[in-house]
Amino acid sequence: MLIMIGGLALFLYGMYLMGEGLSGASGGRLERILERLTDSPAKAVLTGAGVTAVIQSSSAATVMVVGLVDSGILRLEQAAGIIMGANIGTTVTSWILGLSGLEADTPLLRMLQPTYFSSVLGLAGVMLLLGKKSKKYKNAASVLVGFSVLIFGMDTMSRAVSPFASSPEFARVFAAFSHPLFGLLAGMAVTALLQSSSASVGILQALCAAGTMNYGMAIPIIMGQNIGTCATALLSAAGAGRNAKRAALIHLYFNVIGTVLFMTIFYVVHAIKPFAFLTRTADGMGIALIHSVFNIAATAVLLPFSRELVGLACLTTGRGKKRSDFGTPFWEEV
């Protein structure tokens, strides 16, 4: 357990280093990009997905959006599209980590595994850090070293939990996750505690790599992780203005409604025609696929109802007297 905690610490620190390096390299331009590239629903979603894929954190992207809404730079409906895109962009990390689960039958496949090429990137980052004094090179070094540390932490967690796969006590603990509600709550709690869905998904992938989880256990946890990641935005909006709170609530409502719709449809269909794959042992790539499919499907379904999400958030906090407080559609001239 201590080794797993150490691996988790490295994983989180690697994510922090990557985010710091990428943010520093952007030179504060991310905010201006968000302001300019949100004049249509599709652009807003693509912008949110792109920025989140770059900074490797939907929580950071959403907190940034909350700040921009609070300052009046973005309207609520612009923020809604970016937030939906952020949920898609955060799945990039799970795909990268999922590569660790590839079968290394050939030298080419072995080289594609992050545990192999991340060592080279880490060495390159350290050489840049020691050899170059320029801030630009130091930011690039932070990205490379951060990625290497992140993957090493992931591998450490995976190796730490693998002996537990044959433990009856450990199996009984995870048997509780066979109930969808318990799995959902577990995913919410862990992600809210870590304030990072990427980190939480990484832990789940580590458990799957050890052979301790099947898809029936993993799917509700993934759904809960999408709700738990809203905690960071809600905390950031606690002392902000009314519109900032609304932006955070849009994030929460999007994930809650998407999760309820997905789980209702999924388990109703499962009751009619059971899914055989739910009893199979989950792997990293399968987790990444489920994570991506859910967020893309939720965005496709709820994006046409972005005004309704804004209205629900406004209703929760109390409607403003001005139409602009409610949120003017960004496809109209104002």
Protein backbone atom coordinates (compact mmCIF):
# COMPACT_ATOMS: atom_id res chain seq x y z
CA MET A 1 0.00 0.00 0.00
CA LEU A 2 2.89 2.38 0.77
CA ILE A 3 4.40 1.69 -2.67
CA MET A 4 1.02 2.38 -4.27
CA ILE A 5 0.76 5.68 -2.35
CA GLY A 6 4.25 6.57 -3.56
CA GLY A 7 3.23 5.75 -7.13
CA LEU A 8 0.13 7.92 -6.75
CA ALA A 9 2.29 10.79 -5.46
CA LEU A 10 4.56 10.50 -8.51
CA PHE A 11 1.54 10.28 -10.82
CA LEU A 12 -0.01 13.47 -9.42
CA TYR A 13 3.33 15.29 -9.38
CA GLY A 14 3.94 14.31 -13.00
CA MET A 15 0.55 15.73 -13.97
CA TYR A 16 1.39 18.92 -12.07
CA LEU A 17 4.74 19.29 -13.83
CA MET A 18 3.16 18.77 -17.25
CA GLY A 19 0.43 21.31 -16.56
CA GLU A 20 2.91 23.89 -15.24
CA GLY A 21 5.21 23.44 -18.20
CA LEU A 22 2.44 23.68 -20.78
CA SER A 23 0.84 26.67 -19.06
CA GLY A 24 4.19 28.43 -18.91
CA ALA A 25 4.91 27.71 -22.56
CA SER A 26 1.55 29.20 -23.56
CA GLY A 27 2.57 32.57 -22.09
CA GLY A 28 -0.98 33.36 -20.93
CA ARG A 29 -2.39 32.97 -24.44
CA LEU A 30 -4.85 30.21 -23.49
CA GLU A 31 -7.35 32.71 -22.09
CA ARG A 32 -7.27 34.77 -25.30
CA ILE A 33 -7.73 31.64 -27.41
CA LEU A 34 -10.81 30.69 -25.39
CA GLU A 35 -12.24 34.16 -25.89
CA ARG A 36 -11.86 34.14 -29.69
CA LEU A 37 -12.70 30.56 -30.62
CA THR A 38 -16.17 30.21 -29.09
CA ASP A 39 -18.43 31.95 -31.61
CA SER A 40 -20.32 28.71 -32.46
CA PRO A 41 -21.29 25.59 -30.48
CA ALA A 42 -18.96 23.32 -32.48
CA LYS A 43 -16.03 25.71 -32.08
CA ALA A 44 -16.65 25.98 -28.33
CA VAL A 45 -16.60 22.18 -27.94
CA LEU A 46 -13.46 21.81 -30.08
CA THR A 47 -11.74 24.61 -28.16
CA GLY A 48 -12.54 23.01 -24.81
CA ALA A 49 -11.36 19.59 -26.03
CA GLY A 50 -8.15 20.99 -27.51
CA VAL A 51 -7.16 23.10 -24.51
CA THR A 52 -7.88 20.26 -22.07
CA ALA A 53 -5.92 17.77 -24.17
CA VAL A 54 -2.96 20.17 -24.05
CA ILE A 55 -3.01 20.96 -20.32
CA GLN A 56 -4.07 17.38 -19.40
CA SER A 57 -6.68 18.50 -16.88
CA SER A 58 -10.40 19.10 -17.34
CA SER A 59 -10.50 20.51 -13.80
CA ALA A 60 -7.93 23.19 -14.70
CA ALA A 61 -9.73 24.02 -17.95
CA THR A 62 -13.10 24.29 -16.19
CA VAL A 63 -11.68 26.47 -13.40
CA MET A 64 -10.22 28.73 -16.12
CA VAL A 65 -13.65 28.95 -17.77
CA VAL A 66 -15.29 29.80 -14.43
CA GLY A 67 -12.79 32.65 -14.02
CA LEU A 68 -13.43 33.95 -17.55
CA VAL A 69 -17.20 33.89 -16.98
CA ASP A 70 -16.77 35.67 -13.65
CA SER A 71 -14.74 38.40 -15.38
CA GLY A 72 -17.35 38.82 -18.11
CA ILE A 73 -15.09 37.66 -20.96
CA LEU A 74 -17.24 34.61 -21.73
CA ARG A 75 -21.01 34.24 -21.70
CA LEU A 76 -22.61 31.24 -20.06
CA GLU A 77 -23.55 29.50 -23.30
CA GLN A 78 -20.00 29.88 -24.57
CA ALA A 79 -18.83 28.34 -21.30
CA ALA A 80 -21.27 25.43 -21.70
CA GLY A 81 -19.70 24.36 -25.00
CA ILE A 82 -16.15 24.66 -23.66
CA ILE A 83 -17.04 22.62 -20.57
CA MET A 84 -18.52 19.85 -22.72
CA GLY A 85 -15.39 19.84 -24.85
CA ALA A 86 -13.21 19.71 -21.74
CA ASN A 87 -14.86 16.43 -20.78
CA ILE A 88 -13.83 15.00 -24.15
CA GLY A 89 -10.30 16.42 -24.01
CA THR A 90 -9.55 14.86 -20.64
CA THR A 91 -9.92 11.37 -22.16
CA VAL A 92 -6.62 11.86 -24.03
CA THR A 93 -4.70 11.05 -20.84
CA SER A 94 -6.54 7.75 -20.40
CA TRP A 95 -5.67 6.75 -23.99
CA ILE A 96 -1.99 7.52 -23.40
CA LEU A 97 -2.00 5.52 -20.17
CA GLY A 98 -3.97 2.73 -21.84
CA LEU A 99 -1.02 2.10 -24.15
CA SER A 100 0.74 0.58 -21.14
CA GLY A 101 -1.60 -2.38 -21.48
CA LEU A 102 -0.57 -3.27 -25.04
CA GLU A 103 0.74 -6.79 -25.52
CA ALA A 104 4.47 -6.39 -26.10
CA ASP A 105 4.91 -9.26 -28.57
CA THR A 106 7.15 -7.31 -30.95
CA PRO A 107 9.88 -4.68 -30.50
CA LEU A 108 7.65 -2.12 -32.25
CA LEU A 109 4.77 -2.65 -29.81
CA ARG A 110 7.17 -2.55 -26.88
CA MET A 111 8.49 0.82 -28.07
CA LEU A 112 4.89 2.14 -28.25
CA GLN A 113 4.40 1.50 -24.54
CA PRO A 114 4.80 4.69 -22.47
CA THR A 115 6.98 2.84 -19.93
CA TYR A 116 9.60 2.49 -22.68
CA PHE A 117 9.58 5.80 -24.57
CA SER A 118 8.83 7.92 -21.47
CA SER A 119 12.28 7.04 -20.10
CA VAL A 120 13.90 8.58 -23.18
CA LEU A 121 11.68 11.67 -22.91
CA GLY A 122 12.53 11.99 -19.21
CA LEU A 123 16.27 11.86 -19.94
CA ALA A 124 15.86 14.48 -22.68
CA GLY A 125 13.92 16.69 -20.25
CA VAL A 126 16.61 16.42 -17.56
CA MET A 127 19.33 17.29 -20.10
CA LEU A 128 17.34 20.37 -21.15
CA LEU A 129 16.79 21.33 -17.53
CA LEU A 130 20.49 21.09 -16.66
CA GLY A 131 21.91 22.44 -19.91
CA LYS A 132 19.62 25.35 -20.83
CA LYS A 133 18.84 28.40 -18.72
CA SER A 134 16.13 29.82 -21.00
CA LYS A 135 12.61 29.79 -19.56
CA LYS A 136 11.30 28.38 -22.85
CA TYR A 137 13.55 25.33 -22.54
CA LYS A 138 12.74 24.93 -18.86
CA ASN A 139 9.01 24.80 -19.69
CA ALA A 140 9.67 22.15 -22.34
CA ALA A 141 11.79 20.22 -19.83
CA SER A 142 8.94 20.33 -17.30
CA VAL A 143 6.58 18.81 -19.86
CA LEU A 144 8.98 15.98 -20.74
CA VAL A 145 10.01 15.20 -17.17
CA GLY A 146 6.40 15.49 -15.98
CA PHE A 147 5.23 12.96 -18.56
CA SER A 148 8.03 10.57 -17.61
CA VAL A 149 7.26 10.86 -13.87
CA LEU A 150 3.52 10.43 -14.55
CA ILE A 151 4.08 7.16 -16.46
CA PHE A 152 6.55 5.90 -13.85
CA GLY A 153 4.01 6.60 -11.12
CA MET A 154 1.33 4.75 -13.11
CA ASP A 155 3.62 1.74 -13.54
CA THR A 156 4.53 1.82 -9.84
CA MET A 157 0.84 1.78 -8.83
CA SER A 158 0.17 -1.10 -11.21
CA ARG A 159 3.04 -3.16 -9.82
CA ALA A 160 2.03 -2.38 -6.23
CA VAL A 161 -1.55 -3.61 -6.58
CA SER A 162 -0.80 -6.68 -8.72
CA PRO A 163 -0.07 -8.95 -5.69
CA PHE A 164 -3.52 -8.13 -4.31
CA ALA A 165 -5.21 -9.77 -7.30
CA SER A 166 -4.97 -13.19 -5.61
CA SER A 167 -5.94 -11.91 -2.15
CA PRO A 168 -9.43 -13.06 -1.01
CA GLU A 169 -9.77 -10.02 1.28
CA PHE A 170 -9.00 -7.62 -1.55
CA ALA A 171 -11.43 -9.46 -3.82
CA ARG A 172 -14.21 -9.12 -1.24
CA VAL A 173 -13.63 -5.36 -0.99
CA PHE A 174 -13.96 -4.89 -4.73
CA ALA A 175 -16.94 -7.25 -4.85
CA ALA A 176 -18.92 -4.33 -3.41
CA PHE A 177 -18.30 -2.47 -6.68
CA SER A 178 -20.40 -5.06 -8.49
CA HIS A 179 -23.40 -2.99 -7.42
CA PRO A 180 -23.61 0.00 -9.80
CA LEU A 181 -24.57 2.48 -7.05
CA PHE A 182 -21.54 1.62 -4.90
CA GLY A 183 -19.26 1.86 -7.91
CA LEU A 184 -20.74 5.23 -8.85
CA LEU A 185 -20.24 6.60 -5.32
CA ALA A 186 -16.68 5.22 -5.15
CA GLY A 187 -15.75 6.92 -8.43
CA MET A 188 -17.26 10.21 -7.24
CA ALA A 189 -15.52 10.12 -3.85
CA VAL A 190 -12.03 9.27 -5.13
CA THR A 191 -12.16 11.80 -7.96
CA ALA A 192 -13.52 14.57 -5.73
CA LEU A 193 -10.76 13.83 -3.21
CA LEU A 194 -8.00 13.91 -5.85
CA GLN A 195 -9.71 16.76 -7.76
CA SER A 196 -8.63 15.12 -11.01
CA SER A 197 -10.60 12.73 -13.20
CA SER A 198 -7.39 11.90 -15.12
CA ALA A 199 -5.69 10.77 -11.90
CA SER A 200 -8.74 8.80 -10.83
CA VAL A 201 -9.02 7.08 -14.21
CA GLY A 202 -5.29 6.35 -14.00
CA ILE A 203 -5.78 4.57 -10.67
CA LEU A 204 -8.65 2.55 -12.16
CA GLN A 205 -6.45 1.58 -15.11
CA ALA A 206 -3.73 0.46 -12.68
CA LEU A 207 -6.23 -1.76 -10.87
CA CYS A 208 -7.41 -3.17 -14.20
CA ALA A 209 -3.81 -3.90 -15.22
CA ALA A 210 -3.54 -6.02 -12.07
CA GLY A 211 -6.60 -8.05 -13.15
CA THR A 212 -8.75 -7.04 -10.18
CA MET A 213 -11.66 -5.39 -12.03
CA ASN A 214 -14.18 -6.50 -14.62
CA TYR A 215 -16.20 -4.19 -16.87
CA GLY A 216 -19.32 -4.59 -14.71
CA MET A 217 -17.39 -3.02 -11.81
CA ALA A 218 -15.48 -0.46 -13.87
CA ILE A 219 -18.32 1.19 -15.82
CA PRO A 220 -20.19 2.67 -12.80
CA ILE A 221 -16.86 3.88 -11.37
CA ILE A 222 -16.11 5.72 -14.62
CA MET A 223 -19.54 7.35 -14.48
CA GLY A 224 -18.89 8.47 -10.90
CA GLN A 225 -15.50 9.86 -11.89
CA ASN A 226 -17.15 12.22 -14.36
CA ILE A 227 -19.35 13.63 -11.58
CA GLY A 228 -16.56 13.78 -8.99
CA THR A 229 -14.38 15.96 -11.22
CA CYS A 230 -16.94 18.78 -10.84
CA ALA A 231 -15.78 19.32 -7.24
CA THR A 232 -12.85 21.50 -8.30
CA ALA A 233 -15.00 23.89 -10.34
CA LEU A 234 -17.60 24.11 -7.58
CA LEU A 235 -14.88 24.98 -5.04
CA SER A 236 -13.37 27.60 -7.36
CA ALA A 237 -16.77 29.26 -7.78
CA ALA A 238 -17.59 29.31 -4.06
CA GLY A 239 -16.35 32.87 -3.51
CA ALA A 240 -17.02 34.18 -7.02
CA GLY A 241 -19.99 35.95 -8.58
CA ARG A 242 -23.36 34.54 -9.57
CA ASN A 243 -22.39 33.75 -13.18
CA ALA A 244 -19.26 31.91 -12.05
CA LYS A 245 -21.41 29.71 -9.81
CA ARG A 246 -23.71 29.10 -12.79
CA ALA A 247 -20.78 28.01 -14.96
CA ALA A 248 -19.70 25.50 -12.29
CA LEU A 249 -23.28 24.23 -12.01
CA ILE A 250 -23.44 23.76 -15.80
CA HIS A 251 -20.45 21.44 -15.47
CA LEU A 252 -22.16 19.53 -12.66
CA TYR A 253 -25.54 19.27 -14.40
CA PHE A 254 -23.95 18.16 -17.68
CA ASN A 255 -22.18 15.25 -15.99
CA VAL A 256 -25.07 14.30 -13.71
CA ILE A 257 -27.66 14.31 -16.54
CA GLY A 258 -25.29 12.48 -18.88
CA THR A 259 -24.56 9.84 -16.24
CA VAL A 260 -28.23 9.31 -15.38
CA LEU A 261 -29.16 8.96 -19.06
CA PHE A 262 -26.28 6.59 -19.81
CA MET A 263 -26.79 4.33 -16.79
CA THR A 264 -30.57 4.21 -17.23
CA ILE A 265 -30.36 3.24 -20.91
CA PHE A 266 -27.42 0.88 -20.37
CA TYR A 267 -28.94 -1.10 -17.50
CA VAL A 268 -32.43 -1.21 -19.04
CA VAL A 269 -30.95 -2.74 -22.20
CA HIS A 270 -28.79 -5.04 -20.02
CA ALA A 271 -31.92 -6.25 -18.20
CA ILE A 272 -33.56 -7.09 -21.53
CA LYS A 273 -30.49 -8.57 -23.22
CA PRO A 274 -27.55 -9.09 -20.81
CA PHE A 275 -24.13 -7.88 -21.97
CA ALA A 276 -21.65 -10.76 -21.84
CA PHE A 277 -18.60 -8.49 -21.75
CA LEU A 278 -19.44 -7.16 -18.26
CA THR A 279 -17.88 -10.26 -16.65
CA ARG A 280 -14.61 -9.90 -18.61
CA THR A 281 -11.51 -8.52 -16.90
CA ALA A 282 -11.17 -4.83 -17.80
CA ASP A 283 -7.99 -3.43 -19.32
CA GLY A 284 -6.54 0.05 -19.77
CA MET A 285 -7.59 0.48 -23.39
CA GLY A 286 -11.13 -0.66 -22.59
CA ILE A 287 -11.36 1.92 -19.79
CA ALA A 288 -10.11 4.63 -22.17
CA LEU A 289 -12.69 3.60 -24.79
CA ILE A 290 -15.60 3.67 -22.32
CA HIS A 291 -14.44 7.03 -20.94
CA SER A 292 -14.29 8.53 -24.44
CA VAL A 293 -17.56 7.04 -25.70
CA PHE A 294 -19.48 8.32 -22.68
CA ASN A 295 -18.17 11.88 -22.93
CA ILE A 296 -18.59 12.11 -26.71
CA ALA A 297 -22.13 10.66 -26.54
CA ALA A 298 -23.11 12.96 -23.65
CA THR A 299 -21.84 15.99 -25.58
CA ALA A 300 -23.66 14.96 -28.76
CA VAL A 301 -26.94 14.55 -26.83
CA LEU A 302 -26.74 17.61 -24.57
CA LEU A 303 -25.03 20.21 -26.79
CA PRO A 304 -28.33 21.11 -28.55
CA PHE A 305 -29.77 21.74 -25.06
CA SER A 306 -26.98 24.05 -23.89
CA ARG A 307 -29.46 26.91 -23.38
CA GLU A 308 -31.58 24.63 -21.20
CA LEU A 309 -28.50 23.76 -19.12
CA VAL A 310 -27.81 27.47 -18.72
CA GLY A 311 -31.45 28.02 -17.75
CA LEU A 312 -31.28 25.24 -15.15
CA ALA A 313 -28.14 26.77 -13.64
CA CYS A 314 -29.80 30.21 -13.59
CA LEU A 315 -32.92 28.75 -11.99
CA THR A 316 -30.78 27.16 -9.26
CA THR A 317 -29.03 30.41 -8.36
CA GLY A 318 -31.95 32.75 -9.09
CA ARG A 319 -32.50 34.45 -12.42
CA GLY A 320 -30.99 37.87 -13.06
CA LYS A 321 -33.17 40.71 -14.28
CA LYS A 322 -31.15 41.20 -17.46
CA ARG A 323 -31.34 38.92 -20.47
CA SER A 324 -27.54 38.85 -20.53
CA ASP A 325 -27.53 37.34 -17.04
CA PHE A 326 -29.46 34.38 -18.41
CA GLY A 327 -27.12 33.97 -21.35
CA THR A 328 -27.64 35.21 -24.92
CA PRO A 329 -27.16 32.57 -27.63
CA PHE A 330 -23.67 33.02 -29.04
CA TRP A 331 -24.83 32.37 -32.60
CA GLU A 332 -26.83 35.64 -32.49
CA GLU A 333 -25.46 39.14 -32.95
CA VAL A 334 -25.43 41.08 -29.67
